[in-house]
Amino acid sequence: MNSVKKPIKVLFLGGAHAQIPILKEAKARGYYLITCDYLPGNPGHKLANEYYNVSTTDMPGVLNLAKKVKPDLIIAYASDPSAPVAAFVSENLGLPGNPYDSVRILSEKDLFRAYQKDRGFNVPEFVLLTEDNHFDEKLRILRFPYIIKPTDSSGSRGISRVTKPDEITFALTSALSFSRKKRIIAEEFIDNELGDIHGDGFVVDGKLVFSYLGDHIYNRKSNPYNPIGTLWPSKLPESIINKIVKDVADLIKGSGFKNGPVNIEVRINSRGKHYIMEIGPRSGGHFVPQAIHYATGVDMVKASLDVIRGENIKIPDRSRKCSAYYAIHSDYEGFLLHLSISDGLKPYIKEFHQYISPGERVKSFKSANAVIGILLMTFNKREEMDCIITDISKFIDLKIIDVGGKIINLE
């Protein structure tokens, strides 16, 4: 009697917009999808066979859920806070995945800074702060300006630049409010005058086999540390990019991280010194893997599912093109009245994801989750891309009604 082969069962932590591509890929492969998140309205749940209202940062809750649903794989895609949970639960249940300790090193900012410092990499001066710390004593070793931020948050939440003593209390309160573990880090401010580098890479057997790095862009208004896009490839000389990639590869290898995507952020200060600010053990949000796919042909969504199943990963050898993601956003609170894209921009657009519909609430772009929509674009030349992005407000008609009822034209 022939037995029916059961589909691979995957527990996905989350179901936000940026996670849709991997959910669609898994569904196309015939996998059985289970999603969990504390937000029932996340769009990914519509693709799932089962959905559970469990927070992706609730480690005991996810472990109990996994014991109940018995998945073959657990995946946290494009989510820093969920990555350690997926690693912990996978390790406890003997499922494929990265070592929990390696994911913690890359996910938690204080552990990552200590790890970098121990191995002699460029690292800003930093101190760890908790609710019981003597803040004043610890902060004395830092010179203004410095950054205060949660160790275990993401999406630019809770980050403040402190330039004088009377700004400290607000910065500490803000950072603590976004830290689940109530641990925050204060560190020397690193300027980005010569470069603010961002992109994704892919790791196989501890080796960084692929990376594509571009230039972060900001609007400096709502939150100067919340990027509004990335332009690939970077304008920096290849010699500098190669040094950065080598350091990233060495840090990944030493951490024990084995397989999967990583999100990379680097700053180069006015003296030409580069600092690896983050190596997130996950894909970038805002559809970064898709933007890179259009430019390079490397499909990190498929690779993420293949590598966890032990399949060979092939990196296509082809010339790399120019691509970008751009976050449509508002610097004001209110309600969306109108959003449209002019015909002049449409030849460059590969994908447009609109998250907020007319009449719905719009938040000021203080953190990544306040985005109105994402544009993915490709260009023939870097000069062409720079020209379009610099004047992108000419192509986007965005109107909101502020809380006072006034119509504001944005972009």
Protein backbone atom coordinates (compact mmCIF):
# COMPACT_ATOMS: atom_id res chain seq x y z
CA MET A 1 0.00 0.00 0.00
CA ASN A 2 1.46 3.40 -1.03
CA SER A 3 1.90 5.90 1.78
CA VAL A 4 1.11 9.54 1.21
CA LYS A 5 4.13 11.78 1.77
CA LYS A 6 3.40 14.49 4.30
CA PRO A 7 4.26 18.08 3.31
CA ILE A 8 7.08 19.87 5.09
CA LYS A 9 5.58 21.77 8.00
CA VAL A 10 7.09 25.22 8.67
CA LEU A 11 6.43 27.48 11.62
CA PHE A 12 6.99 31.10 10.55
CA LEU A 13 7.47 33.68 13.27
CA GLY A 14 5.49 36.67 12.02
CA GLY A 15 3.41 37.58 9.02
CA ALA A 16 4.23 41.20 8.20
CA HIS A 17 4.41 42.62 4.67
CA ALA A 18 8.16 42.03 4.26
CA GLN A 19 7.67 38.34 5.10
CA ILE A 20 5.17 37.72 2.28
CA PRO A 21 7.82 36.67 -0.32
CA ILE A 22 9.14 33.74 1.73
CA LEU A 23 5.61 32.67 2.68
CA LYS A 24 4.63 32.65 -1.00
CA GLU A 25 7.76 30.69 -1.93
CA ALA A 26 7.11 28.12 0.80
CA LYS A 27 3.49 27.78 -0.28
CA ALA A 28 4.56 27.33 -3.93
CA ARG A 29 6.78 24.44 -2.78
CA GLY A 30 3.81 22.75 -1.19
CA TYR A 31 4.91 23.36 2.40
CA TYR A 32 2.36 23.43 5.20
CA LEU A 33 2.49 26.97 6.64
CA ILE A 34 1.91 27.90 10.27
CA THR A 35 2.30 31.53 11.30
CA CYS A 36 2.32 33.04 14.75
CA ASP A 37 2.28 36.67 15.82
CA TYR A 38 0.54 38.96 18.28
CA LEU A 39 -1.08 40.93 15.42
CA PRO A 40 -4.01 38.99 13.93
CA GLY A 41 -4.26 41.46 11.04
CA ASN A 42 -0.81 40.80 9.58
CA PRO A 43 -1.23 39.92 5.87
CA GLY A 44 0.94 36.80 6.01
CA HIS A 45 -1.64 34.96 8.07
CA LYS A 46 -3.91 34.82 5.01
CA LEU A 47 -1.36 32.57 3.30
CA ALA A 48 -1.01 30.22 6.26
CA ASN A 49 -2.72 26.89 6.83
CA GLU A 50 -2.83 27.72 10.54
CA TYR A 51 -2.34 30.92 12.53
CA TYR A 52 -1.71 31.30 16.27
CA ASN A 53 -1.89 34.47 18.33
CA VAL A 54 1.50 34.06 20.01
CA SER A 55 4.06 36.85 20.13
CA THR A 56 7.20 36.04 18.15
CA THR A 57 9.32 37.37 21.05
CA ASP A 58 7.61 35.12 23.61
CA MET A 59 10.25 32.39 23.84
CA PRO A 60 8.34 30.01 26.19
CA GLY A 61 5.14 30.64 24.23
CA VAL A 62 6.73 29.82 20.87
CA LEU A 63 8.43 26.74 22.37
CA ASN A 64 5.10 25.46 23.68
CA LEU A 65 3.44 26.17 20.34
CA ALA A 66 6.19 24.33 18.47
CA LYS A 67 5.79 21.31 20.75
CA LYS A 68 2.10 21.36 19.95
CA VAL A 69 2.22 21.79 16.14
CA LYS A 70 5.48 19.79 15.63
CA PRO A 71 7.04 21.71 12.70
CA ASP A 72 9.91 20.41 10.59
CA LEU A 73 11.40 23.91 10.38
CA ILE A 74 11.11 27.19 12.28
CA ILE A 75 11.91 30.39 10.37
CA ALA A 76 12.18 34.03 11.46
CA TYR A 77 12.50 36.05 8.27
CA ALA A 78 13.40 39.79 8.20
CA SER A 79 12.93 40.12 11.96
CA ASP A 80 15.72 40.79 14.47
CA PRO A 81 13.64 40.21 17.63
CA SER A 82 12.30 36.87 16.32
CA ALA A 83 15.65 35.44 15.20
CA PRO A 84 16.90 34.38 18.67
CA VAL A 85 13.52 32.82 19.44
CA ALA A 86 13.61 30.73 16.26
CA ALA A 87 17.18 29.62 17.04
CA PHE A 88 16.39 28.78 20.68
CA VAL A 89 13.28 26.75 19.90
CA SER A 90 14.92 24.96 16.95
CA GLU A 91 17.91 24.05 19.10
CA ASN A 92 15.71 22.77 21.93
CA LEU A 93 13.66 20.59 19.57
CA GLY A 94 16.60 19.34 17.50
CA LEU A 95 15.44 21.10 14.33
CA PRO A 96 17.72 22.60 11.65
CA GLY A 97 18.89 26.14 12.35
CA ASN A 98 21.70 28.30 13.64
CA PRO A 99 23.20 27.92 17.13
CA TYR A 100 21.27 30.02 19.62
CA ASP A 101 24.44 31.58 21.06
CA SER A 102 25.59 32.75 17.62
CA VAL A 103 22.25 34.37 16.86
CA ARG A 104 22.26 36.13 20.24
CA ILE A 105 25.72 37.57 19.57
CA LEU A 106 24.54 39.04 16.28
CA SER A 107 21.09 40.11 17.52
CA GLU A 108 21.81 41.79 20.85
CA LYS A 109 23.77 45.02 20.49
CA ASP A 110 25.72 44.84 23.75
CA LEU A 111 26.85 41.27 23.07
CA PHE A 112 27.85 42.21 19.51
CA ARG A 113 29.90 45.22 20.66
CA ALA A 114 31.71 43.12 23.29
CA TYR A 115 32.35 40.41 20.70
CA GLN A 116 33.80 42.95 18.24
CA LYS A 117 36.00 44.53 20.91
CA ASP A 118 37.38 41.20 22.12
CA ARG A 119 38.52 40.41 18.56
CA GLY A 120 40.15 43.75 17.85
CA PHE A 121 37.64 45.18 15.37
CA ASN A 122 36.83 48.88 15.21
CA VAL A 123 34.16 49.52 17.81
CA PRO A 124 32.74 52.68 19.38
CA GLU A 125 33.35 53.24 23.08
CA PHE A 126 30.28 51.86 24.85
CA VAL A 127 28.67 51.07 28.20
CA LEU A 128 25.80 48.74 29.09
CA LEU A 129 22.97 50.22 31.15
CA THR A 130 20.09 48.54 32.95
CA GLU A 131 17.28 49.85 35.13
CA ASP A 132 19.36 49.23 38.31
CA ASN A 133 22.56 50.86 36.98
CA HIS A 134 24.06 54.07 38.26
CA PHE A 135 23.59 55.83 34.94
CA ASP A 136 25.57 58.96 35.80
CA GLU A 137 28.67 57.06 36.84
CA LYS A 138 28.67 54.81 33.79
CA LEU A 139 28.01 57.58 31.29
CA ARG A 140 30.96 59.65 32.53
CA ILE A 141 33.39 57.65 30.40
CA LEU A 142 31.61 58.75 27.19
CA ARG A 143 32.10 62.12 25.51
CA PHE A 144 29.22 63.98 23.90
CA PRO A 145 27.67 63.27 21.49
CA TYR A 146 26.72 59.66 22.06
CA ILE A 147 23.87 57.35 21.09
CA ILE A 148 21.53 55.62 23.54
CA LYS A 149 19.50 52.69 22.22
CA PRO A 150 17.86 49.40 23.28
CA THR A 151 20.04 46.31 22.96
CA ASP A 152 17.21 44.11 21.70
CA SER A 153 14.99 46.23 19.47
CA SER A 154 14.96 46.99 15.74
CA GLY A 155 13.56 49.35 13.12
CA SER A 156 15.27 52.44 14.66
CA ARG A 157 12.96 52.30 17.70
CA GLY A 158 14.13 53.99 20.89
CA ILE A 159 17.32 55.49 19.45
CA SER A 160 18.42 58.96 20.60
CA ARG A 161 21.49 61.11 20.02
CA VAL A 162 22.54 62.81 23.23
CA THR A 163 24.50 66.05 22.91
CA LYS A 164 24.15 67.51 26.45
CA PRO A 165 23.24 66.36 29.99
CA ASP A 166 19.62 67.51 29.97
CA GLU A 167 18.85 65.14 27.06
CA ILE A 168 19.94 62.03 28.95
CA THR A 169 16.74 61.30 30.90
CA PHE A 170 14.48 61.33 27.83
CA ALA A 171 16.92 59.15 25.87
CA LEU A 172 17.17 56.58 28.67
CA THR A 173 13.40 56.47 29.16
CA SER A 174 12.79 56.07 25.42
CA ALA A 175 15.35 53.30 25.03
CA LEU A 176 14.11 51.37 28.07
CA SER A 177 10.54 51.55 26.79
CA PHE A 178 11.57 49.65 23.64
CA SER A 179 13.74 47.05 25.37
CA ARG A 180 12.05 43.81 26.31
CA LYS A 181 14.97 42.82 28.56
CA LYS A 182 15.37 46.37 29.95
CA ARG A 183 18.97 46.54 28.75
CA ILE A 184 20.22 49.53 26.83
CA ILE A 185 23.56 50.58 25.41
CA ALA A 186 25.18 54.00 25.26
CA GLU A 187 27.95 54.34 22.70
CA GLU A 188 30.16 56.92 21.07
CA PHE A 189 28.48 58.57 18.09
CA ILE A 190 30.07 57.48 14.81
CA ASP A 191 29.59 59.97 12.01
CA ASN A 192 28.85 58.70 8.51
CA GLU A 193 30.51 61.47 6.51
CA LEU A 194 32.34 59.11 4.16
CA GLY A 195 29.80 56.33 4.00
CA ASP A 196 26.65 54.75 5.40
CA ILE A 197 26.64 51.24 3.98
CA HIS A 198 23.76 48.79 3.94
CA GLY A 199 22.86 45.53 2.27
CA ASP A 200 22.33 41.81 2.65
CA GLY A 201 24.62 38.81 2.46
CA PHE A 202 24.27 35.06 2.54
CA VAL A 203 26.17 32.53 4.63
CA VAL A 204 26.79 28.85 3.89
CA ASP A 205 28.67 26.63 6.36
CA GLY A 206 29.96 29.69 8.20
CA LYS A 207 31.29 31.37 5.07
CA LEU A 208 29.94 34.60 3.61
CA VAL A 209 29.40 33.45 0.02
CA PHE A 210 27.54 36.52 -1.24
CA SER A 211 26.98 40.16 -0.36
CA TYR A 212 25.73 43.28 -2.12
CA LEU A 213 26.26 46.58 -0.33
CA GLY A 214 24.73 49.94 -1.14
CA ASP A 215 24.32 53.42 0.32
CA HIS A 216 21.69 54.20 2.93
CA ILE A 217 19.73 57.43 2.46
CA TYR A 218 17.89 59.48 5.11
CA ASN A 219 15.55 62.45 5.23
CA ARG A 220 16.87 63.68 8.61
CA LYS A 221 13.45 64.94 9.76
CA SER A 222 11.26 62.55 11.77
CA ASN A 223 14.18 60.37 12.84
CA PRO A 224 17.68 60.99 11.45
CA TYR A 225 18.62 57.35 12.15
CA ASN A 226 15.67 55.78 10.33
CA PRO A 227 16.69 55.23 6.67
CA ILE A 228 14.25 55.97 3.87
CA GLY A 229 16.04 53.79 1.32
CA THR A 230 19.16 52.14 -0.01
CA LEU A 231 20.85 52.58 -3.39
CA TRP A 232 22.87 49.69 -4.84
CA PRO A 233 25.76 49.42 -5.54
CA SER A 234 27.61 51.72 -3.16
CA LYS A 235 29.51 54.67 -4.58
CA LEU A 236 32.50 53.79 -2.41
CA PRO A 237 35.65 52.40 -4.07
CA GLU A 238 35.73 48.63 -4.43
CA SER A 239 38.86 48.47 -2.24
CA ILE A 240 36.91 49.86 0.75
CA ILE A 241 33.93 47.58 0.14
CA ASN A 242 36.26 44.57 -0.01
CA LYS A 243 37.75 45.47 3.40
CA ILE A 244 34.28 45.76 4.88
CA VAL A 245 33.19 42.44 3.40
CA LYS A 246 36.30 40.74 4.79
CA ASP A 247 35.64 42.05 8.29
CA VAL A 248 31.97 41.04 8.08
CA ALA A 249 33.00 37.56 6.93
CA ASP A 250 35.49 37.21 9.80
CA LEU A 251 32.94 38.31 12.39
CA ILE A 252 30.34 35.89 11.05
CA LYS A 253 32.77 32.97 11.04
CA GLY A 254 33.91 33.65 14.60
CA SER A 255 30.35 34.00 15.91
CA GLY A 256 29.44 30.43 14.97
CA PHE A 257 26.60 31.51 12.68
CA LYS A 258 26.32 28.76 10.07
CA ASN A 259 23.69 29.30 7.39
CA GLY A 260 21.27 31.86 6.04
CA PRO A 261 20.85 35.54 5.23
CA VAL A 262 22.44 38.43 7.12
CA ASN A 263 21.67 42.15 7.09
CA ILE A 264 24.73 44.42 7.19
CA GLU A 265 25.08 48.05 8.33
CA VAL A 266 28.41 49.91 8.32
CA ARG A 267 29.49 53.51 8.95
CA ILE A 268 32.66 55.16 7.66
CA ASN A 269 33.60 58.26 9.63
CA SER A 270 35.30 61.45 8.52
CA ARG A 271 38.73 59.91 9.14
CA GLY A 272 38.03 56.98 6.84
CA LYS A 273 37.65 54.44 9.65
CA HIS A 274 34.89 51.88 9.11
CA TYR A 275 32.69 50.54 11.90
CA ILE A 276 30.44 47.53 11.45
CA MET A 277 27.36 48.72 13.28
CA GLU A 278 25.21 45.61 12.83
CA ILE A 279 25.19 42.14 11.29
CA GLY A 280 21.59 41.04 11.72
CA PRO A 281 21.05 37.25 11.51
CA ARG A 282 18.18 37.69 9.07
CA SER A 283 17.20 39.29 5.76
CA GLY A 284 16.69 43.03 5.54
CA GLY A 285 13.20 44.47 5.85
CA HIS A 286 11.48 46.72 3.31
CA PHE A 287 11.90 44.00 0.64
CA VAL A 288 15.70 44.41 0.57
CA PRO A 289 16.27 40.81 -0.66
CA GLN A 290 13.94 41.47 -3.59
CA ALA A 291 15.71 44.71 -4.53
CA ILE A 292 19.03 42.85 -4.48
CA HIS A 293 17.55 39.99 -6.50
CA TYR A 294 16.61 42.41 -9.29
CA ALA A 295 20.17 43.74 -9.35
CA THR A 296 22.16 40.50 -9.02
CA GLY A 297 19.96 37.52 -9.85
CA VAL A 298 20.63 36.10 -6.37
CA ASP A 299 17.34 34.92 -4.87
CA MET A 300 17.94 34.89 -1.12
CA VAL A 301 14.35 33.89 -0.41
CA LYS A 302 14.77 30.59 -2.24
CA ALA A 303 18.28 30.21 -0.81
CA SER A 304 16.93 30.67 2.74
CA LEU A 305 14.61 27.70 2.30
CA ASP A 306 17.17 25.64 0.41
CA VAL A 307 20.04 26.04 2.89
CA ILE A 308 17.95 25.07 5.90
CA ARG A 309 17.02 21.89 4.04
CA GLY A 310 20.69 21.12 3.34
CA GLU A 311 20.48 21.80 -0.39
CA ASN A 312 23.31 23.30 -2.47
CA ILE A 313 23.33 27.07 -2.88
CA LYS A 314 24.44 28.43 -6.25
CA ILE A 315 25.37 32.10 -6.66
CA PRO A 316 24.93 33.21 -10.30
CA ASP A 317 27.96 34.84 -11.89
CA ARG A 318 26.60 37.88 -13.68
CA SER A 319 27.10 41.63 -13.84
CA ARG A 320 25.39 43.58 -11.09
CA LYS A 321 22.87 46.28 -11.89
CA CYS A 322 21.62 49.35 -10.04
CA SER A 323 18.59 48.98 -7.80
CA ALA A 324 16.94 50.78 -4.92
CA TYR A 325 14.23 50.56 -2.34
CA TYR A 326 12.48 53.72 -1.24
CA ALA A 327 10.14 54.05 1.75
CA ILE A 328 7.20 56.36 1.09
CA HIS A 329 6.60 58.11 4.40
CA SER A 330 5.22 61.11 6.24
CA ASP A 331 6.89 63.38 8.77
CA TYR A 332 3.46 64.20 10.20
CA GLU A 333 0.72 62.33 12.03
CA GLY A 334 -2.67 62.19 10.34
CA PHE A 335 -4.78 60.21 7.89
CA LEU A 336 -3.97 59.29 4.30
CA LEU A 337 -5.97 61.31 1.83
CA HIS A 338 -4.24 60.45 -1.46
CA LEU A 339 -1.22 58.59 -2.82
CA SER A 340 -0.31 58.18 -6.48
CA ILE A 341 2.84 57.62 -8.55
CA SER A 342 3.39 59.64 -11.74
CA ASP A 343 3.98 57.95 -15.09
CA GLY A 344 7.53 59.33 -15.18
CA LEU A 345 8.62 56.97 -12.42
CA LYS A 346 6.79 53.86 -13.59
CA PRO A 347 9.44 52.63 -16.10
CA TYR A 348 11.84 52.17 -13.16
CA ILE A 349 9.43 50.44 -10.77
CA LYS A 350 9.64 46.68 -10.34
CA GLU A 351 7.31 46.44 -7.33
CA PHE A 352 5.12 48.81 -5.34
CA HIS A 353 3.76 47.72 -1.97
CA GLN A 354 1.22 50.07 -0.38
CA TYR A 355 0.53 49.35 3.28
CA ILE A 356 -1.87 52.17 4.16
CA SER A 357 -5.11 52.91 2.30
CA PRO A 358 -6.92 56.26 2.03
CA GLY A 359 -8.67 57.09 5.28
CA GLU A 360 -6.29 55.02 7.41
CA ARG A 361 -4.00 56.44 10.08
CA VAL A 362 -0.53 57.65 9.09
CA LYS A 363 2.27 57.84 11.66
CA SER A 364 5.31 60.07 11.60
CA PHE A 365 8.26 58.10 10.20
CA LYS A 366 10.06 57.74 13.52
CA SER A 367 10.51 53.98 13.12
CA ALA A 368 10.52 51.54 10.22
CA ASN A 369 6.99 50.27 10.88
CA ALA A 370 5.52 53.73 10.14
CA VAL A 371 6.11 53.33 6.40
CA ILE A 372 3.22 54.05 4.02
CA GLY A 373 4.57 51.98 1.13
CA ILE A 374 7.72 50.59 -0.47
CA LEU A 375 9.01 51.13 -4.01
CA LEU A 376 11.50 48.70 -5.55
CA MET A 377 13.26 50.14 -8.60
CA THR A 378 16.02 49.34 -11.07
CA PHE A 379 18.10 51.68 -13.22
CA ASN A 380 20.56 51.45 -16.09
CA LYS A 381 23.21 53.67 -14.47
CA ARG A 382 24.07 54.99 -11.01
CA GLU A 383 23.87 58.59 -12.29
CA GLU A 384 20.33 57.96 -13.51
CA MET A 385 19.36 56.45 -10.15
CA ASP A 386 20.84 59.36 -8.19
CA CYS A 387 18.99 61.86 -10.36
CA ILE A 388 15.62 60.13 -9.92
CA ILE A 389 15.97 59.52 -6.17
CA THR A 390 17.15 63.07 -5.49
CA ASP A 391 13.98 64.44 -7.11
CA ILE A 392 11.64 61.61 -6.20
CA SER A 393 9.19 64.08 -4.64
CA LYS A 394 8.32 65.15 -8.20
CA PHE A 395 6.98 61.67 -8.93
CA ILE A 396 5.01 60.94 -5.74
CA ASP A 397 1.76 62.75 -4.95
CA LEU A 398 1.14 62.20 -1.24
CA LYS A 399 -1.49 64.08 0.75
CA ILE A 400 -2.48 63.54 4.36
CA ILE A 401 -4.98 65.25 6.64
CA ASP A 402 -3.23 66.14 9.88
CA VAL A 403 -4.83 65.82 13.30
CA GLY A 404 -6.09 69.39 13.01
CA GLY A 405 -7.90 68.71 9.73
CA LYS A 406 -5.38 70.54 7.54
CA ILE A 407 -4.42 68.96 4.20
CA ILE A 408 -0.63 68.58 3.89
CA ASN A 409 1.15 67.86 0.60
CA LEU A 410 4.16 65.63 1.21
CA GLU A 411 7.03 64.03 -0.73
